[in-house]
Amino acid sequence: MLRQAIRSAGFRGSRAWPTSTLPARAPLVRPYSDQIMSNSLLRSRPRSSGKTIRDHRSPNDTAQTFSQMDSISSIIHHDHRQIEKYYSKIINSKDPDVQRRYQNAFVWELARHSIAEEMVVYPSMETGVNDGREMADKDRAEHQVTKEQLYKFQNLKPSDSDFIPTLESLMRDLKIHIKEEEEHDLVKLEEALLPSRSKDLAQQFEMTKAFIPTRSHPSAPNKPPYETWAGLVTAPLDKIRDIFRAWPDEPSPKPSSGGPAR
């Protein structure tokens, strides 16, 4: 039963996820993130331009991701807005059930987003941008602070007295990071990339999010290659637990049909 649960909750997702058709990926210059996509584990998946992957967005959202959002910056901006949306839903609700559901969505989105940036975006930044290594190291250090705060927040209940204060503290630091990333780091990265390469990175970013942990694990490595193997071990366990978590009653933030609110 565990093997069956891993197959259904790990790399294939749950049956409640909407499906989307992912365009075939063009040959790329191969940073470490590309190596992840071509390792033996992923090669075992059907290699067809018509294959489907499970995604947390609704069909309309997914279509927008791969048509209008055709750069790595636009994909990251979109994730930032989703994170901010879930934060607002939690802060502005007085219903513990609603808060719990959006807490799960917030943790799920932010955990995947952070690791995907570390695996796909920062290696490209290091090799393609002047002072890119310093920029990437600074961003990783800020991510580590966020992961530690997120780990604390994901283990709280809405009834806990420090539930909202912990979230607000996390967002104060995260908003600074988002502002610097959008106004400086991503601008520098896009200047160094051809449009086709930026689009390739956007597709890698979205693919990577399908295979990585969905909860915060601050003690895990934050640089390839060790981050990758830690993620491949941890992700199936996170996704099994996701099946039993409750999610908001809207199409975009639900990775599964959810269970009792927890």
C-alpha atoms as a PDB file:
ATOM      1  CA  MET A   1       0.000   0.000   0.000  1.00  0.00           C
ATOM      2  CA  LEU A   2       2.885   2.361   0.725  1.00  0.00           C
ATOM      3  CA  ARG A   3       4.344   1.764  -2.717  1.00  0.00           C
ATOM      4  CA  GLN A   4       0.961   2.465  -4.288  1.00  0.00           C
ATOM      5  CA  ALA A   5       0.572   5.645  -2.197  1.00  0.00           C
ATOM      6  CA  ILE A   6       4.002   6.863  -3.261  1.00  0.00           C
ATOM      7  CA  ARG A   7       3.168   6.262  -6.899  1.00  0.00           C
ATOM      8  CA  SER A   8      -0.109   8.147  -6.631  1.00  0.00           C
ATOM      9  CA  ALA A   9       0.986  10.950  -4.329  1.00  0.00           C
ATOM     10  CA  GLY A  10       4.616  11.367  -5.298  1.00  0.00           C
ATOM     11  CA  PHE A  11       5.457  11.830  -8.944  1.00  0.00           C
ATOM     12  CA  ARG A  12       2.005  11.464 -10.459  1.00  0.00           C
ATOM     13  CA  GLY A  13       0.087  13.631  -8.029  1.00  0.00           C
ATOM     14  CA  SER A  14      -3.454  12.968  -6.897  1.00  0.00           C
ATOM     15  CA  ARG A  15      -6.432  12.472  -9.134  1.00  0.00           C
ATOM     16  CA  ALA A  16      -7.972  15.806  -8.157  1.00  0.00           C
ATOM     17  CA  TRP A  17      -5.151  17.782  -9.814  1.00  0.00           C
ATOM     18  CA  PRO A  18      -5.935  19.399 -13.178  1.00  0.00           C
ATOM     19  CA  THR A  19      -3.764  18.248 -16.076  1.00  0.00           C
ATOM     20  CA  SER A  20      -1.879  20.364 -18.558  1.00  0.00           C
ATOM     21  CA  THR A  21       0.073  19.575 -21.680  1.00  0.00           C
ATOM     22  CA  LEU A  22       3.703  20.568 -21.377  1.00  0.00           C
ATOM     23  CA  PRO A  23       5.542  21.691 -24.516  1.00  0.00           C
ATOM     24  CA  ALA A  24       8.576  19.649 -25.504  1.00  0.00           C
ATOM     25  CA  ARG A  25      11.769  21.175 -24.099  1.00  0.00           C
ATOM     26  CA  ALA A  26      14.324  22.395 -26.594  1.00  0.00           C
ATOM     27  CA  PRO A  27      18.019  21.439 -26.240  1.00  0.00           C
ATOM     28  CA  LEU A  28      19.733  23.785 -23.789  1.00  0.00           C
ATOM     29  CA  VAL A  29      23.076  24.749 -22.450  1.00  0.00           C
ATOM     30  CA  ARG A  30      23.155  22.393 -19.509  1.00  0.00           C
ATOM     31  CA  PRO A  31      23.559  23.814 -16.011  1.00  0.00           C
ATOM     32  CA  TYR A  32      22.937  21.495 -13.103  1.00  0.00           C
ATOM     33  CA  SER A  33      19.184  22.018 -13.243  1.00  0.00           C
ATOM     34  CA  ASP A  34      19.119  20.451 -16.731  1.00  0.00           C
ATOM     35  CA  GLN A  35      20.994  17.434 -15.446  1.00  0.00           C
ATOM     36  CA  ILE A  36      18.190  16.883 -12.949  1.00  0.00           C
ATOM     37  CA  MET A  37      15.623  16.831 -15.733  1.00  0.00           C
ATOM     38  CA  SER A  38      17.648  14.258 -17.717  1.00  0.00           C
ATOM     39  CA  ASN A  39      18.669  11.826 -14.976  1.00  0.00           C
ATOM     40  CA  SER A  40      17.585   8.203 -15.118  1.00  0.00           C
ATOM     41  CA  LEU A  41      14.605   8.784 -12.853  1.00  0.00           C
ATOM     42  CA  LEU A  42      13.043  11.339 -15.176  1.00  0.00           C
ATOM     43  CA  ARG A  43      14.050   9.479 -18.331  1.00  0.00           C
ATOM     44  CA  SER A  44      11.840   6.662 -17.151  1.00  0.00           C
ATOM     45  CA  ARG A  45       8.818   8.895 -17.712  1.00  0.00           C
ATOM     46  CA  PRO A  46       7.179   8.855 -21.187  1.00  0.00           C
ATOM     47  CA  ARG A  47       9.011  11.268 -23.493  1.00  0.00           C
ATOM     48  CA  SER A  48       6.181  12.637 -25.571  1.00  0.00           C
ATOM     49  CA  SER A  49       5.157  16.164 -26.477  1.00  0.00           C
ATOM     50  CA  GLY A  50       1.638  15.172 -25.495  1.00  0.00           C
ATOM     51  CA  LYS A  51       2.449  13.943 -21.995  1.00  0.00           C
ATOM     52  CA  THR A  52       0.607  15.397 -19.034  1.00  0.00           C
ATOM     53  CA  ILE A  53       1.861  16.438 -15.647  1.00  0.00           C
ATOM     54  CA  ARG A  54      -0.064  17.165 -12.504  1.00  0.00           C
ATOM     55  CA  ASP A  55      -0.056  20.793 -11.517  1.00  0.00           C
ATOM     56  CA  HIS A  56      -1.554  22.891  -8.727  1.00  0.00           C
ATOM     57  CA  ARG A  57      -3.019  25.510 -11.074  1.00  0.00           C
ATOM     58  CA  SER A  58      -6.341  25.401 -12.826  1.00  0.00           C
ATOM     59  CA  PRO A  59      -6.331  24.659 -16.590  1.00  0.00           C
ATOM     60  CA  ASN A  60      -6.708  28.371 -17.355  1.00  0.00           C
ATOM     61  CA  ASP A  61      -3.841  29.266 -15.034  1.00  0.00           C
ATOM     62  CA  THR A  62      -1.612  26.613 -16.567  1.00  0.00           C
ATOM     63  CA  ALA A  63      -2.360  27.735 -20.106  1.00  0.00           C
ATOM     64  CA  GLN A  64      -1.426  31.259 -19.092  1.00  0.00           C
ATOM     65  CA  THR A  65       1.817  30.006 -17.562  1.00  0.00           C
ATOM     66  CA  PHE A  66       3.066  28.461 -20.787  1.00  0.00           C
ATOM     67  CA  SER A  67       1.695  31.016 -23.247  1.00  0.00           C
ATOM     68  CA  GLN A  68       1.765  34.516 -21.777  1.00  0.00           C
ATOM     69  CA  MET A  69       4.279  33.808 -19.020  1.00  0.00           C
ATOM     70  CA  ASP A  70       7.102  32.858 -21.357  1.00  0.00           C
ATOM     71  CA  SER A  71      10.073  34.059 -19.295  1.00  0.00           C
ATOM     72  CA  ILE A  72      11.613  32.992 -16.032  1.00  0.00           C
ATOM     73  CA  SER A  73      10.861  36.405 -14.535  1.00  0.00           C
ATOM     74  CA  SER A  74       7.154  36.210 -15.349  1.00  0.00           C
ATOM     75  CA  ILE A  75       6.886  32.748 -13.803  1.00  0.00           C
ATOM     76  CA  ILE A  76       8.591  33.890 -10.602  1.00  0.00           C
ATOM     77  CA  HIS A  77       6.484  37.062 -10.432  1.00  0.00           C
ATOM     78  CA  HIS A  78       3.363  34.914 -10.756  1.00  0.00           C
ATOM     79  CA  ASP A  79       4.464  32.693  -7.863  1.00  0.00           C
ATOM     80  CA  HIS A  80       5.180  35.757  -5.728  1.00  0.00           C
ATOM     81  CA  ARG A  81       1.664  37.047  -6.305  1.00  0.00           C
ATOM     82  CA  GLN A  82       0.208  33.648  -5.362  1.00  0.00           C
ATOM     83  CA  ILE A  83       2.191  33.618  -2.112  1.00  0.00           C
ATOM     84  CA  GLU A  84       1.009  37.143  -1.302  1.00  0.00           C
ATOM     85  CA  LYS A  85      -2.585  36.144  -2.089  1.00  0.00           C
ATOM     86  CA  TYR A  86      -2.517  33.201   0.331  1.00  0.00           C
ATOM     87  CA  TYR A  87      -0.950  35.375   3.004  1.00  0.00           C
ATOM     88  CA  SER A  88      -3.767  37.901   2.653  1.00  0.00           C
ATOM     89  CA  LYS A  89      -6.405  35.167   2.824  1.00  0.00           C
ATOM     90  CA  ILE A  90      -4.969  33.953   6.133  1.00  0.00           C
ATOM     91  CA  ILE A  91      -4.571  37.410   7.660  1.00  0.00           C
ATOM     92  CA  ASN A  92      -8.010  38.631   6.632  1.00  0.00           C
ATOM     93  CA  SER A  93      -9.961  35.562   7.758  1.00  0.00           C
ATOM     94  CA  LYS A  94     -11.312  34.882  11.231  1.00  0.00           C
ATOM     95  CA  ASP A  95     -12.371  31.342  10.347  1.00  0.00           C
ATOM     96  CA  PRO A  96      -9.810  28.782  11.632  1.00  0.00           C
ATOM     97  CA  ASP A  97     -10.779  26.289   8.929  1.00  0.00           C
ATOM     98  CA  VAL A  98     -10.189  28.823   6.157  1.00  0.00           C
ATOM     99  CA  GLN A  99      -6.917  29.881   7.764  1.00  0.00           C
ATOM    100  CA  ARG A 100      -5.764  26.274   7.981  1.00  0.00           C
ATOM    101  CA  ARG A 101      -6.564  25.593   4.346  1.00  0.00           C
ATOM    102  CA  TYR A 102      -4.732  28.685   3.127  1.00  0.00           C
ATOM    103  CA  GLN A 103      -1.874  27.950   5.506  1.00  0.00           C
ATOM    104  CA  ASN A 104      -1.398  24.648   3.685  1.00  0.00           C
ATOM    105  CA  ALA A 105      -1.549  26.400   0.316  1.00  0.00           C
ATOM    106  CA  PHE A 106       0.901  29.088   1.461  1.00  0.00           C
ATOM    107  CA  VAL A 107       3.444  26.549   2.759  1.00  0.00           C
ATOM    108  CA  TRP A 108       3.040  24.370  -0.326  1.00  0.00           C
ATOM    109  CA  GLU A 109       3.599  27.255  -2.740  1.00  0.00           C
ATOM    110  CA  LEU A 110       6.487  28.902  -0.901  1.00  0.00           C
ATOM    111  CA  ALA A 111       8.408  25.680  -0.165  1.00  0.00           C
ATOM    112  CA  ARG A 112       8.317  24.550  -3.800  1.00  0.00           C
ATOM    113  CA  HIS A 113       9.071  27.998  -5.138  1.00  0.00           C
ATOM    114  CA  SER A 114      12.156  28.456  -2.957  1.00  0.00           C
ATOM    115  CA  ILE A 115      13.715  25.116  -3.807  1.00  0.00           C
ATOM    116  CA  ALA A 116      13.001  25.494  -7.528  1.00  0.00           C
ATOM    117  CA  GLU A 117      14.772  28.859  -7.507  1.00  0.00           C
ATOM    118  CA  GLU A 118      17.786  27.285  -5.808  1.00  0.00           C
ATOM    119  CA  MET A 119      17.915  24.429  -8.313  1.00  0.00           C
ATOM    120  CA  VAL A 120      17.105  26.251 -11.561  1.00  0.00           C
ATOM    121  CA  VAL A 121      17.512  30.020 -11.236  1.00  0.00           C
ATOM    122  CA  TYR A 122      20.536  30.509  -8.991  1.00  0.00           C
ATOM    123  CA  PRO A 123      22.891  28.208 -10.954  1.00  0.00           C
ATOM    124  CA  SER A 124      22.051  30.180 -14.112  1.00  0.00           C
ATOM    125  CA  MET A 125      22.600  33.412 -12.217  1.00  0.00           C
ATOM    126  CA  GLU A 126      26.016  32.217 -11.023  1.00  0.00           C
ATOM    127  CA  THR A 127      27.248  31.307 -14.505  1.00  0.00           C
ATOM    128  CA  GLY A 128      25.604  34.058 -16.561  1.00  0.00           C
ATOM    129  CA  VAL A 129      25.590  37.286 -14.540  1.00  0.00           C
ATOM    130  CA  ASN A 130      28.458  39.487 -13.362  1.00  0.00           C
ATOM    131  CA  ASP A 131      28.657  39.081  -9.581  1.00  0.00           C
ATOM    132  CA  GLY A 132      26.083  36.331 -10.013  1.00  0.00           C
ATOM    133  CA  ARG A 133      27.680  34.088  -7.407  1.00  0.00           C
ATOM    134  CA  GLU A 134      27.441  36.811  -4.772  1.00  0.00           C
ATOM    135  CA  MET A 135      23.815  37.477  -5.736  1.00  0.00           C
ATOM    136  CA  ALA A 136      22.932  33.787  -5.566  1.00  0.00           C
ATOM    137  CA  ASP A 137      24.666  33.276  -2.220  1.00  0.00           C
ATOM    138  CA  LYS A 138      22.829  36.277  -0.779  1.00  0.00           C
ATOM    139  CA  ASP A 139      19.502  34.921  -2.036  1.00  0.00           C
ATOM    140  CA  ARG A 140      20.244  31.472  -0.611  1.00  0.00           C
ATOM    141  CA  ALA A 141      21.013  33.009   2.783  1.00  0.00           C
ATOM    142  CA  GLU A 142      17.677  34.864   2.695  1.00  0.00           C
ATOM    143  CA  HIS A 143      15.922  31.651   1.683  1.00  0.00           C
ATOM    144  CA  GLN A 144      17.416  29.885   4.671  1.00  0.00           C
ATOM    145  CA  VAL A 145      15.873  32.449   7.015  1.00  0.00           C
ATOM    146  CA  THR A 146      12.530  32.008   5.243  1.00  0.00           C
ATOM    147  CA  LYS A 147      12.740  28.202   5.447  1.00  0.00           C
ATOM    148  CA  GLU A 148      13.349  28.340   9.195  1.00  0.00           C
ATOM    149  CA  GLN A 149      10.411  30.694   9.695  1.00  0.00           C
ATOM    150  CA  LEU A 150       8.229  28.605   7.389  1.00  0.00           C
ATOM    151  CA  TYR A 151       9.110  25.430   9.278  1.00  0.00           C
ATOM    152  CA  LYS A 152       7.881  27.042  12.473  1.00  0.00           C
ATOM    153  CA  PHE A 153       4.723  28.371  10.814  1.00  0.00           C
ATOM    154  CA  GLN A 154       3.755  25.101   9.105  1.00  0.00           C
ATOM    155  CA  ASN A 155       3.669  23.343  12.474  1.00  0.00           C
ATOM    156  CA  LEU A 156       1.352  25.889  14.103  1.00  0.00           C
ATOM    157  CA  LYS A 157      -2.425  25.795  14.313  1.00  0.00           C
ATOM    158  CA  PRO A 158      -4.670  28.825  13.722  1.00  0.00           C
ATOM    159  CA  SER A 159      -5.660  28.620  17.386  1.00  0.00           C
ATOM    160  CA  ASP A 160      -2.047  29.083  18.512  1.00  0.00           C
ATOM    161  CA  SER A 161      -1.305  32.553  19.898  1.00  0.00           C
ATOM    162  CA  ASP A 162       1.798  32.941  17.716  1.00  0.00           C
ATOM    163  CA  PHE A 163       0.143  31.771  14.470  1.00  0.00           C
ATOM    164  CA  ILE A 164      -0.430  35.248  12.986  1.00  0.00           C
ATOM    165  CA  PRO A 165       2.702  36.886  14.516  1.00  0.00           C
ATOM    166  CA  THR A 166       4.890  34.134  13.043  1.00  0.00           C
ATOM    167  CA  LEU A 167       3.348  34.574   9.605  1.00  0.00           C
ATOM    168  CA  GLU A 168       3.696  38.362   9.754  1.00  0.00           C
ATOM    169  CA  SER A 169       7.357  38.072  10.759  1.00  0.00           C
ATOM    170  CA  LEU A 170       7.984  35.672   7.883  1.00  0.00           C
ATOM    171  CA  MET A 171       6.316  37.986   5.379  1.00  0.00           C
ATOM    172  CA  ARG A 172       8.225  41.072   6.522  1.00  0.00           C
ATOM    173  CA  ASP A 173      11.499  39.418   5.562  1.00  0.00           C
ATOM    174  CA  LEU A 174      10.056  37.724   2.506  1.00  0.00           C
ATOM    175  CA  LYS A 175       8.665  40.964   1.065  1.00  0.00           C
ATOM    176  CA  ILE A 176      12.130  42.507   1.213  1.00  0.00           C
ATOM    177  CA  HIS A 177      13.570  39.497  -0.581  1.00  0.00           C
ATOM    178  CA  ILE A 178      10.824  39.580  -3.227  1.00  0.00           C
ATOM    179  CA  LYS A 179      11.354  43.291  -3.876  1.00  0.00           C
ATOM    180  CA  GLU A 180      15.133  42.904  -4.288  1.00  0.00           C
ATOM    181  CA  GLU A 181      14.698  39.846  -6.475  1.00  0.00           C
ATOM    182  CA  GLU A 182      12.120  41.418  -8.786  1.00  0.00           C
ATOM    183  CA  GLU A 183      13.777  44.833  -9.059  1.00  0.00           C
ATOM    184  CA  HIS A 184      17.413  43.760  -9.245  1.00  0.00           C
ATOM    185  CA  ASP A 185      18.329  40.071  -9.488  1.00  0.00           C
ATOM    186  CA  LEU A 186      15.789  39.004 -12.107  1.00  0.00           C
ATOM    187  CA  VAL A 187      16.401  42.156 -14.129  1.00  0.00           C
ATOM    188  CA  LYS A 188      20.118  41.341 -14.287  1.00  0.00           C
ATOM    189  CA  LEU A 189      19.396  37.727 -15.151  1.00  0.00           C
ATOM    190  CA  GLU A 190      17.002  38.600 -17.989  1.00  0.00           C
ATOM    191  CA  GLU A 191      19.558  41.038 -19.427  1.00  0.00           C
ATOM    192  CA  ALA A 192      22.032  38.172 -19.623  1.00  0.00           C
ATOM    193  CA  LEU A 193      19.623  35.677 -21.234  1.00  0.00           C
ATOM    194  CA  LEU A 194      18.306  35.274 -24.728  1.00  0.00           C
ATOM    195  CA  PRO A 195      14.476  35.209 -24.750  1.00  0.00           C
ATOM    196  CA  SER A 196      14.507  31.546 -25.796  1.00  0.00           C
ATOM    197  CA  ARG A 197      16.785  30.644 -22.902  1.00  0.00           C
ATOM    198  CA  SER A 198      14.576  32.537 -20.449  1.00  0.00           C
ATOM    199  CA  LYS A 199      11.570  30.578 -21.705  1.00  0.00           C
ATOM    200  CA  ASP A 200      13.494  27.312 -21.332  1.00  0.00           C
ATOM    201  CA  LEU A 201      14.328  28.192 -17.731  1.00  0.00           C
ATOM    202  CA  ALA A 202      10.665  28.971 -17.072  1.00  0.00           C
ATOM    203  CA  GLN A 203       9.682  25.494 -18.266  1.00  0.00           C
ATOM    204  CA  GLN A 204      12.453  23.869 -16.213  1.00  0.00           C
ATOM    205  CA  PHE A 205      11.299  25.824 -13.173  1.00  0.00           C
ATOM    206  CA  GLU A 206       7.725  24.548 -13.493  1.00  0.00           C
ATOM    207  CA  MET A 207       8.870  20.971 -14.157  1.00  0.00           C
ATOM    208  CA  THR A 208      11.190  21.030 -11.154  1.00  0.00           C
ATOM    209  CA  LYS A 209       8.348  22.068  -8.848  1.00  0.00           C
ATOM    210  CA  ALA A 210       6.598  18.785  -9.641  1.00  0.00           C
ATOM    211  CA  PHE A 211       9.400  16.705  -8.102  1.00  0.00           C
ATOM    212  CA  ILE A 212      10.531  18.567  -4.992  1.00  0.00           C
ATOM    213  CA  PRO A 213       9.389  18.755  -1.350  1.00  0.00           C
ATOM    214  CA  THR A 214       6.164  20.593  -0.570  1.00  0.00           C
ATOM    215  CA  ARG A 215       7.036  21.454   3.041  1.00  0.00           C
ATOM    216  CA  SER A 216       9.920  23.344   4.592  1.00  0.00           C
ATOM    217  CA  HIS A 217      13.001  21.321   5.572  1.00  0.00           C
ATOM    218  CA  PRO A 218      15.509  23.961   6.720  1.00  0.00           C
ATOM    219  CA  SER A 219      18.244  21.449   7.590  1.00  0.00           C
ATOM    220  CA  ALA A 220      18.369  20.119   4.005  1.00  0.00           C
ATOM    221  CA  PRO A 221      21.203  21.305   1.700  1.00  0.00           C
ATOM    222  CA  ASN A 222      20.378  24.366  -0.415  1.00  0.00           C
ATOM    223  CA  LYS A 223      22.835  23.819  -3.261  1.00  0.00           C
ATOM    224  CA  PRO A 224      23.013  21.121  -5.947  1.00  0.00           C
ATOM    225  CA  PRO A 225      23.828  18.263  -6.089  1.00  0.00           C
ATOM    226  CA  TYR A 226      23.008  17.387  -2.465  1.00  0.00           C
ATOM    227  CA  GLU A 227      19.809  19.432  -2.468  1.00  0.00           C
ATOM    228  CA  THR A 228      18.532  17.362  -5.380  1.00  0.00           C
ATOM    229  CA  TRP A 229      18.971  13.976  -3.763  1.00  0.00           C
ATOM    230  CA  ALA A 230      17.604  15.173  -0.444  1.00  0.00           C
ATOM    231  CA  GLY A 231      14.567  16.516  -2.279  1.00  0.00           C
ATOM    232  CA  LEU A 232      13.938  13.325  -4.226  1.00  0.00           C
ATOM    233  CA  VAL A 233      13.910  11.381  -0.958  1.00  0.00           C
ATOM    234  CA  THR A 234      11.762  13.860   0.981  1.00  0.00           C
ATOM    235  CA  ALA A 235       9.251  14.874  -1.697  1.00  0.00           C
ATOM    236  CA  PRO A 236       7.249  11.601  -1.832  1.00  0.00           C
ATOM    237  CA  LEU A 237       6.745  11.657   1.935  1.00  0.00           C
ATOM    238  CA  ASP A 238       5.539  15.259   1.820  1.00  0.00           C
ATOM    239  CA  LYS A 239       3.154  14.457  -1.014  1.00  0.00           C
ATOM    240  CA  ILE A 240       1.682  11.458   0.762  1.00  0.00           C
ATOM    241  CA  ARG A 241       0.865  13.724   3.704  1.00  0.00           C
ATOM    242  CA  ASP A 242      -0.552  16.348   1.320  1.00  0.00           C
ATOM    243  CA  ILE A 243      -3.328  13.895   0.416  1.00  0.00           C
ATOM    244  CA  PHE A 244      -4.678  14.147   3.953  1.00  0.00           C
ATOM    245  CA  ARG A 245      -4.394  17.935   4.288  1.00  0.00           C
ATOM    246  CA  ALA A 246      -7.252  20.356   3.699  1.00  0.00           C
ATOM    247  CA  TRP A 247      -7.015  22.885   0.870  1.00  0.00           C
ATOM    248  CA  PRO A 248      -8.891  26.048  -0.115  1.00  0.00           C
ATOM    249  CA  ASP A 249     -12.131  25.594  -2.007  1.00  0.00           C
ATOM    250  CA  GLU A 250     -10.818  27.021  -5.273  1.00  0.00           C
ATOM    251  CA  PRO A 251      -9.045  25.346  -8.181  1.00  0.00           C
ATOM    252  CA  SER A 252      -5.632  26.993  -8.200  1.00  0.00           C
ATOM    253  CA  PRO A 253      -4.013  26.167  -4.858  1.00  0.00           C
ATOM    254  CA  LYS A 254      -5.100  22.536  -4.439  1.00  0.00           C
ATOM    255  CA  PRO A 255      -2.485  19.807  -5.018  1.00  0.00           C
ATOM    256  CA  SER A 256      -5.034  17.183  -3.988  1.00  0.00           C
ATOM    257  CA  SER A 257      -8.667  16.799  -3.068  1.00  0.00           C
ATOM    258  CA  GLY A 258      -7.621  17.048   0.539  1.00  0.00           C
ATOM    259  CA  GLY A 259      -8.916  15.368   3.612  1.00  0.00           C
ATOM    260  CA  PRO A 260     -10.063  16.557   7.007  1.00  0.00           C
ATOM    261  CA  ALA A 261      -8.761  20.004   7.902  1.00  0.00           C
ATOM    262  CA  ARG A 262      -5.289  19.572   9.325  1.00  0.00           C
END
